[in-house]
Amino acid sequence: AMGLIALPSMLKRKYDKSIVTGLVQAGGGLGYLIPPSLVFVLYGYLAKVPIGHLWLAGAIPGVILAGMYIAYIGIRCRLQPHIGPPLPPEERVGWREKFISMRAGIAPLVLLFTVMGLLIMGVTTITESSAIGAIGSIVVTLIYRRFNWKDFVAVVDHTWRLTSIIMWIFVAAILFGAVYQGLGAAQAFEILLTGVVGRNPTLIVAMMVGIYILLGMVMDDFAMLIVTAHMFIPVLVGLEINMVWFGVLYCVTVLVALMTPPFGFALFIMKGLVPKDSGITMVDIYRSIIPFVALNGVLLVALIFYPQIALWLPAKVFGG
């Protein structure tokens, strides 16, 4: 959705093709870390980890990554002004218009933070938070006098279709896990893995990261998690590795995997979103994403050696 909106707008304003596709992919990828991340919801279910802990753990790495993206774009546009030209004077808006736009977003933001806050603090379950969010959304549209039955029916239709897809993903995870555990494959994989690299936690985590990067060439984030969770989680628990930290590490690894040329899954999705008359080729997409992949890699390495980047905030909020 972000690509469909942002790409044509940036290309119309003469943003250089060497940066636009990478910018859209990188910006969209922040949703893996910054709450409310759906990947954390699935991971929390599979790893038996509180979703609130995961959301808080992903917040600081997400902000750090966003900061690195902004710094890179700012520095590059300063050195090469032609790749991100300023808006023409007639398209610029004053502070009054900006404040009006910001005011329109206050109610949705309050609702979002209320729903997430209740879940993170353990006041509500994820189902209850979802119900509060749905009811709150209806109330907001009524307050702003924008409620109409046509949109309501369309939203309900879209919601149950999306929910059905997600529930089938959970069913697949349960069935796969039952068969996998029943065959004793988890124990066999643990013996194989520890036989290759020993019981060194850093080496085992590094090997898992490498596997995810390879899988990212042919699978999306949910599929990778469903296939590997029942293999990796028992090993990680046996090594007493913090599962909240590994959840954040997984999300950052997914960003690297899905965006790494030449076979990153997200690269081909981006190619399908690019306007046909833009002249953007796969080579342009590869070149555009490489700096962002490098920044993702920096955060990945930092998380491996400094887990407190992810664990500090949950520890402050929940203790421990």
Protein backbone atom coordinates (compact mmCIF):
# COMPACT_ATOMS: atom_id res chain seq x y z
CA ALA A 1 0.00 0.00 0.00
CA MET A 2 2.82 2.39 0.87
CA GLY A 3 4.50 1.70 -2.46
CA LEU A 4 1.32 2.37 -4.44
CA ILE A 5 0.91 5.76 -2.76
CA ALA A 6 4.49 6.96 -2.32
CA LEU A 7 6.24 5.75 -5.47
CA PRO A 8 4.17 7.61 -8.10
CA SER A 9 4.25 10.77 -5.96
CA MET A 10 8.05 10.72 -5.59
CA LEU A 11 8.65 9.89 -9.24
CA LYS A 12 6.33 12.73 -10.27
CA ARG A 13 8.48 15.13 -8.23
CA LYS A 14 11.68 13.91 -9.93
CA TYR A 15 13.11 11.89 -7.06
CA ASP A 16 15.95 9.80 -8.44
CA LYS A 17 15.25 6.14 -9.14
CA SER A 18 18.49 5.23 -7.37
CA ILE A 19 16.83 5.89 -4.01
CA VAL A 20 13.02 5.78 -4.28
CA THR A 21 12.40 2.02 -4.28
CA GLY A 22 14.89 1.39 -1.49
CA LEU A 23 13.32 4.16 0.57
CA VAL A 24 9.82 2.68 0.21
CA GLN A 25 10.95 -0.86 1.05
CA ALA A 26 13.01 0.25 4.04
CA GLY A 27 10.28 2.50 5.42
CA GLY A 28 7.67 -0.22 5.07
CA GLY A 29 9.98 -2.69 6.80
CA LEU A 30 9.98 -0.64 10.00
CA GLY A 31 6.55 -2.11 10.69
CA TYR A 32 8.25 -5.38 11.60
CA LEU A 33 9.79 -3.73 14.67
CA ILE A 34 7.67 -0.75 15.67
CA PRO A 35 4.39 -1.70 17.42
CA PRO A 36 1.89 -3.03 16.59
CA SER A 37 3.87 -5.66 14.67
CA LEU A 38 1.87 -8.68 13.46
CA VAL A 39 5.06 -10.74 13.20
CA PHE A 40 5.56 -10.28 16.94
CA VAL A 41 2.01 -11.54 17.51
CA LEU A 42 2.69 -14.80 15.65
CA TYR A 43 6.13 -15.19 17.21
CA GLY A 44 4.73 -14.55 20.68
CA TYR A 45 2.13 -17.27 20.15
CA LEU A 46 4.68 -19.81 18.91
CA ALA A 47 7.38 -19.00 21.46
CA LYS A 48 4.97 -18.50 24.39
CA VAL A 49 6.28 -14.96 24.93
CA PRO A 50 4.07 -12.01 26.04
CA ILE A 51 3.29 -9.82 23.04
CA GLY A 52 3.60 -6.67 25.14
CA HIS A 53 7.21 -7.56 25.98
CA LEU A 54 7.96 -8.11 22.28
CA TRP A 55 6.39 -4.81 21.20
CA LEU A 56 8.42 -2.88 23.76
CA ALA A 57 11.58 -4.78 22.83
CA GLY A 58 11.15 -3.86 19.17
CA ALA A 59 10.49 -0.17 19.81
CA ILE A 60 14.04 1.05 20.49
CA PRO A 61 15.68 -0.97 17.67
CA GLY A 62 12.93 0.31 15.36
CA VAL A 63 13.58 3.92 16.33
CA ILE A 64 17.35 3.42 15.96
CA LEU A 65 16.86 1.92 12.51
CA ALA A 66 14.54 4.75 11.46
CA GLY A 67 17.14 7.24 12.70
CA MET A 68 19.86 5.56 10.62
CA TYR A 69 17.62 5.64 7.54
CA ILE A 70 16.89 9.36 8.06
CA ALA A 71 20.58 10.15 8.60
CA TYR A 72 21.59 8.25 5.46
CA ILE A 73 18.93 9.94 3.31
CA GLY A 74 19.75 13.38 4.72
CA ILE A 75 23.50 13.00 4.16
CA ARG A 76 23.08 11.60 0.67
CA CYS A 77 20.62 14.31 -0.39
CA ARG A 78 23.02 16.91 0.99
CA LEU A 79 25.87 15.46 -1.08
CA GLN A 80 23.71 14.76 -4.15
CA PRO A 81 20.84 17.31 -4.15
CA HIS A 82 19.48 16.07 -7.47
CA ILE A 83 18.31 12.72 -6.04
CA GLY A 84 15.81 14.38 -3.67
CA PRO A 85 14.87 17.80 -5.04
CA PRO A 86 12.89 20.18 -2.78
CA LEU A 87 9.20 20.74 -3.38
CA PRO A 88 8.34 23.67 -5.66
CA PRO A 89 7.06 26.73 -3.74
CA GLU A 90 3.48 26.29 -4.94
CA GLU A 91 3.29 22.79 -3.37
CA ARG A 92 4.65 23.76 0.04
CA VAL A 93 2.24 24.16 2.94
CA GLY A 94 2.50 26.51 5.88
CA TRP A 95 2.53 25.67 9.57
CA ARG A 96 -1.21 26.33 9.84
CA GLU A 97 -2.02 23.58 7.34
CA LYS A 98 0.46 21.26 9.04
CA PHE A 99 -1.18 21.77 12.43
CA ILE A 100 -4.62 21.17 10.92
CA SER A 101 -3.39 17.88 9.44
CA MET A 102 -1.78 16.90 12.75
CA ARG A 103 -4.97 17.69 14.65
CA ALA A 104 -6.92 15.35 12.40
CA GLY A 105 -4.61 12.52 13.44
CA ILE A 106 -4.89 13.02 17.20
CA ALA A 107 -7.94 10.80 17.75
CA PRO A 108 -6.59 7.80 15.78
CA LEU A 109 -3.24 8.09 17.59
CA VAL A 110 -4.92 8.25 21.00
CA LEU A 111 -6.96 5.17 20.10
CA LEU A 112 -3.87 3.31 18.85
CA PHE A 113 -1.79 4.06 21.95
CA THR A 114 -4.71 3.20 24.23
CA VAL A 115 -5.18 -0.21 22.62
CA MET A 116 -1.45 -0.98 22.65
CA GLY A 117 -0.98 0.37 26.16
CA LEU A 118 -3.74 -1.80 27.62
CA LEU A 119 -2.26 -4.89 25.96
CA ILE A 120 1.34 -4.11 26.90
CA MET A 121 0.45 -3.52 30.55
CA GLY A 122 -1.51 -6.77 30.69
CA VAL A 123 -4.86 -5.13 31.35
CA THR A 124 -6.45 -6.78 28.30
CA THR A 125 -5.78 -9.78 26.10
CA ILE A 126 -5.05 -9.29 22.40
CA THR A 127 -8.67 -10.25 21.56
CA GLU A 128 -10.05 -7.73 24.05
CA SER A 129 -7.68 -5.03 22.77
CA SER A 130 -8.82 -5.71 19.22
CA ALA A 131 -12.45 -5.35 20.28
CA ILE A 132 -11.68 -2.05 22.04
CA GLY A 133 -9.91 -0.83 18.91
CA ALA A 134 -12.85 -1.77 16.68
CA ILE A 135 -15.44 -0.12 18.94
CA GLY A 136 -13.20 2.92 19.42
CA SER A 137 -12.82 3.31 15.65
CA ILE A 138 -16.60 3.37 15.23
CA VAL A 139 -16.92 5.96 18.00
CA VAL A 140 -14.26 8.17 16.37
CA THR A 141 -16.02 8.07 12.99
CA LEU A 142 -19.30 8.98 14.69
CA ILE A 143 -17.66 11.91 16.50
CA TYR A 144 -16.18 13.20 13.23
CA ARG A 145 -19.51 12.49 11.46
CA ARG A 146 -17.84 10.31 8.85
CA PHE A 147 -19.62 7.05 9.59
CA ASN A 148 -21.54 5.46 6.74
CA TRP A 149 -22.86 1.95 6.29
CA LYS A 150 -21.18 1.36 2.94
CA ASP A 151 -17.70 1.86 4.40
CA PHE A 152 -18.65 -0.10 7.52
CA VAL A 153 -19.72 -3.14 5.48
CA ALA A 154 -16.57 -2.90 3.33
CA VAL A 155 -14.33 -2.75 6.41
CA VAL A 156 -16.10 -5.71 8.05
CA ASP A 157 -15.78 -7.72 4.83
CA HIS A 158 -12.06 -6.92 4.54
CA THR A 159 -11.52 -7.68 8.24
CA TRP A 160 -13.10 -11.12 8.24
CA ARG A 161 -11.20 -12.06 5.07
CA LEU A 162 -7.89 -10.95 6.60
CA THR A 163 -8.74 -12.63 9.92
CA SER A 164 -9.53 -15.88 8.10
CA ILE A 165 -6.14 -15.80 6.41
CA ILE A 166 -4.36 -15.18 9.72
CA MET A 167 -6.31 -17.96 11.47
CA TRP A 168 -5.36 -20.43 8.76
CA ILE A 169 -1.74 -19.43 9.32
CA PHE A 170 -2.13 -20.25 13.01
CA VAL A 171 -3.81 -23.58 12.16
CA ALA A 172 -0.92 -24.43 9.84
CA ALA A 173 1.56 -23.60 12.60
CA ILE A 174 -0.27 -25.84 15.09
CA LEU A 175 -0.53 -28.79 12.68
CA PHE A 176 3.07 -28.48 11.51
CA GLY A 177 4.27 -28.31 15.11
CA ALA A 178 2.24 -31.36 16.16
CA VAL A 179 3.60 -33.50 13.31
CA TYR A 180 7.12 -32.21 13.82
CA GLN A 181 7.11 -32.91 17.56
CA GLY A 182 5.40 -36.27 17.09
CA LEU A 183 8.15 -37.48 14.76
CA GLY A 184 10.85 -36.45 17.22
CA ALA A 185 12.33 -34.08 14.66
CA ALA A 186 12.98 -31.33 17.22
CA GLN A 187 15.35 -33.53 19.20
CA ALA A 188 17.05 -34.75 16.03
CA PHE A 189 17.59 -31.19 14.81
CA GLU A 190 19.03 -30.12 18.17
CA ILE A 191 21.49 -33.03 18.14
CA LEU A 192 22.48 -32.21 14.54
CA LEU A 193 22.93 -28.49 15.21
CA THR A 194 24.91 -28.88 18.43
CA GLY A 195 26.98 -31.57 16.75
CA VAL A 196 28.06 -29.12 14.04
CA VAL A 197 28.80 -26.00 16.12
CA GLY A 198 28.73 -27.31 19.69
CA ARG A 199 26.68 -25.57 22.36
CA ASN A 200 28.08 -22.11 21.72
CA PRO A 201 25.01 -19.81 21.82
CA THR A 202 26.56 -17.12 19.60
CA LEU A 203 27.50 -19.60 16.87
CA ILE A 204 24.09 -21.28 16.99
CA VAL A 205 22.26 -17.95 16.74
CA ALA A 206 24.57 -16.88 13.88
CA MET A 207 23.77 -20.12 12.04
CA MET A 208 20.03 -19.55 12.51
CA VAL A 209 20.40 -16.00 11.19
CA GLY A 210 22.17 -17.40 8.12
CA ILE A 211 19.36 -19.92 7.56
CA TYR A 212 16.75 -17.16 7.76
CA ILE A 213 18.64 -15.03 5.24
CA LEU A 214 18.66 -17.96 2.80
CA LEU A 215 14.98 -18.74 3.40
CA GLY A 216 14.12 -15.08 2.80
CA MET A 217 14.94 -15.62 -0.86
CA VAL A 218 11.94 -17.93 -1.32
CA MET A 219 9.59 -17.33 1.65
CA ASP A 220 7.82 -14.49 3.39
CA ASP A 221 8.14 -13.68 7.09
CA PHE A 222 5.17 -15.72 8.34
CA ALA A 223 6.11 -18.81 6.32
CA MET A 224 9.70 -18.73 7.60
CA LEU A 225 8.51 -18.49 11.19
CA ILE A 226 6.01 -21.35 10.86
CA VAL A 227 8.56 -23.66 9.22
CA THR A 228 11.45 -22.93 11.60
CA ALA A 229 9.83 -22.14 14.96
CA HIS A 230 9.42 -25.75 16.06
CA MET A 231 13.02 -26.49 15.07
CA PHE A 232 14.70 -23.44 16.56
CA ILE A 233 12.69 -22.63 19.69
CA PRO A 234 13.48 -25.88 21.63
CA VAL A 235 17.19 -25.36 20.90
CA LEU A 236 17.07 -21.74 22.05
CA VAL A 237 15.17 -22.62 25.21
CA GLY A 238 17.65 -25.40 25.97
CA LEU A 239 20.52 -22.91 25.69
CA GLU A 240 18.62 -20.47 27.95
CA ILE A 241 18.62 -17.77 25.26
CA ASN A 242 16.23 -14.89 25.94
CA MET A 243 13.25 -15.48 23.65
CA VAL A 244 12.18 -11.83 23.66
CA TRP A 245 15.61 -10.83 22.37
CA PHE A 246 15.54 -13.55 19.71
CA GLY A 247 12.12 -12.35 18.54
CA VAL A 248 13.57 -8.90 17.84
CA LEU A 249 16.61 -10.49 16.22
CA TYR A 250 14.30 -12.52 13.99
CA CYS A 251 12.47 -9.42 12.78
CA VAL A 252 15.71 -7.60 11.93
CA THR A 253 16.98 -10.73 10.17
CA VAL A 254 13.76 -10.83 8.15
CA LEU A 255 14.41 -7.26 7.01
CA VAL A 256 17.87 -8.27 5.81
CA ALA A 257 16.64 -11.49 4.20
CA LEU A 258 13.67 -10.07 2.29
CA MET A 259 15.66 -7.11 0.92
CA THR A 260 18.99 -8.73 0.04
CA PRO A 261 19.74 -8.89 -3.72
CA PRO A 262 19.46 -10.74 -5.97
CA PHE A 263 16.70 -13.02 -4.66
CA GLY A 264 15.15 -11.13 -1.75
CA PHE A 265 11.42 -11.83 -1.68
CA ALA A 266 10.46 -8.16 -1.23
CA LEU A 267 12.51 -7.04 -4.24
CA PHE A 268 10.23 -8.84 -6.68
CA ILE A 269 7.13 -7.51 -4.91
CA MET A 270 8.57 -4.01 -5.34
CA LYS A 271 9.12 -4.65 -9.04
CA GLY A 272 5.42 -5.42 -9.37
CA LEU A 273 4.51 -2.11 -7.69
CA VAL A 274 6.76 0.06 -9.85
CA PRO A 275 4.84 2.02 -12.55
CA LYS A 276 5.57 0.49 -15.94
CA ASP A 277 6.43 3.85 -17.50
CA SER A 278 8.97 4.75 -14.78
CA GLY A 279 11.93 3.06 -16.45
CA ILE A 280 12.97 1.45 -13.16
CA THR A 281 14.65 -1.92 -13.70
CA MET A 282 15.54 -4.73 -11.29
CA VAL A 283 19.13 -3.45 -11.31
CA ASP A 284 17.87 -0.04 -10.12
CA ILE A 285 15.92 -1.76 -7.32
CA TYR A 286 19.04 -3.71 -6.29
CA ARG A 287 21.19 -0.57 -6.21
CA SER A 288 18.56 1.38 -4.31
CA ILE A 289 18.17 -1.18 -1.52
CA ILE A 290 21.84 -2.05 -0.85
CA PRO A 291 22.56 0.90 1.54
CA PHE A 292 19.45 0.09 3.57
CA VAL A 293 20.39 -3.59 3.75
CA ALA A 294 23.80 -2.51 5.06
CA LEU A 295 22.14 -0.40 7.78
CA ASN A 296 19.91 -3.35 8.70
CA GLY A 297 23.05 -5.48 8.94
CA VAL A 298 24.67 -2.98 11.31
CA LEU A 299 21.65 -3.18 13.63
CA LEU A 300 21.62 -6.99 13.37
CA VAL A 301 25.25 -7.28 14.46
CA ALA A 302 24.71 -4.73 17.24
CA LEU A 303 21.75 -6.73 18.57
CA ILE A 304 23.75 -9.96 18.60
CA PHE A 305 26.55 -8.47 20.69
CA TYR A 306 24.48 -5.96 22.69
CA PRO A 307 21.12 -7.62 23.53
CA GLN A 308 20.25 -4.78 25.92
CA ILE A 309 19.38 -2.63 22.91
CA ALA A 310 16.19 -4.69 22.77
CA LEU A 311 15.85 -5.81 26.39
CA TRP A 312 16.38 -2.52 28.23
CA LEU A 313 12.89 -1.07 27.71
CA PRO A 314 10.91 -4.23 28.67
CA ALA A 315 13.11 -4.59 31.76
CA LYS A 316 12.40 -0.98 32.77
CA VAL A 317 8.65 -1.35 32.30
CA PHE A 318 8.10 -4.87 33.61
CA GLY A 319 11.17 -5.31 35.82
CA GLY A 320 13.74 -8.09 35.62
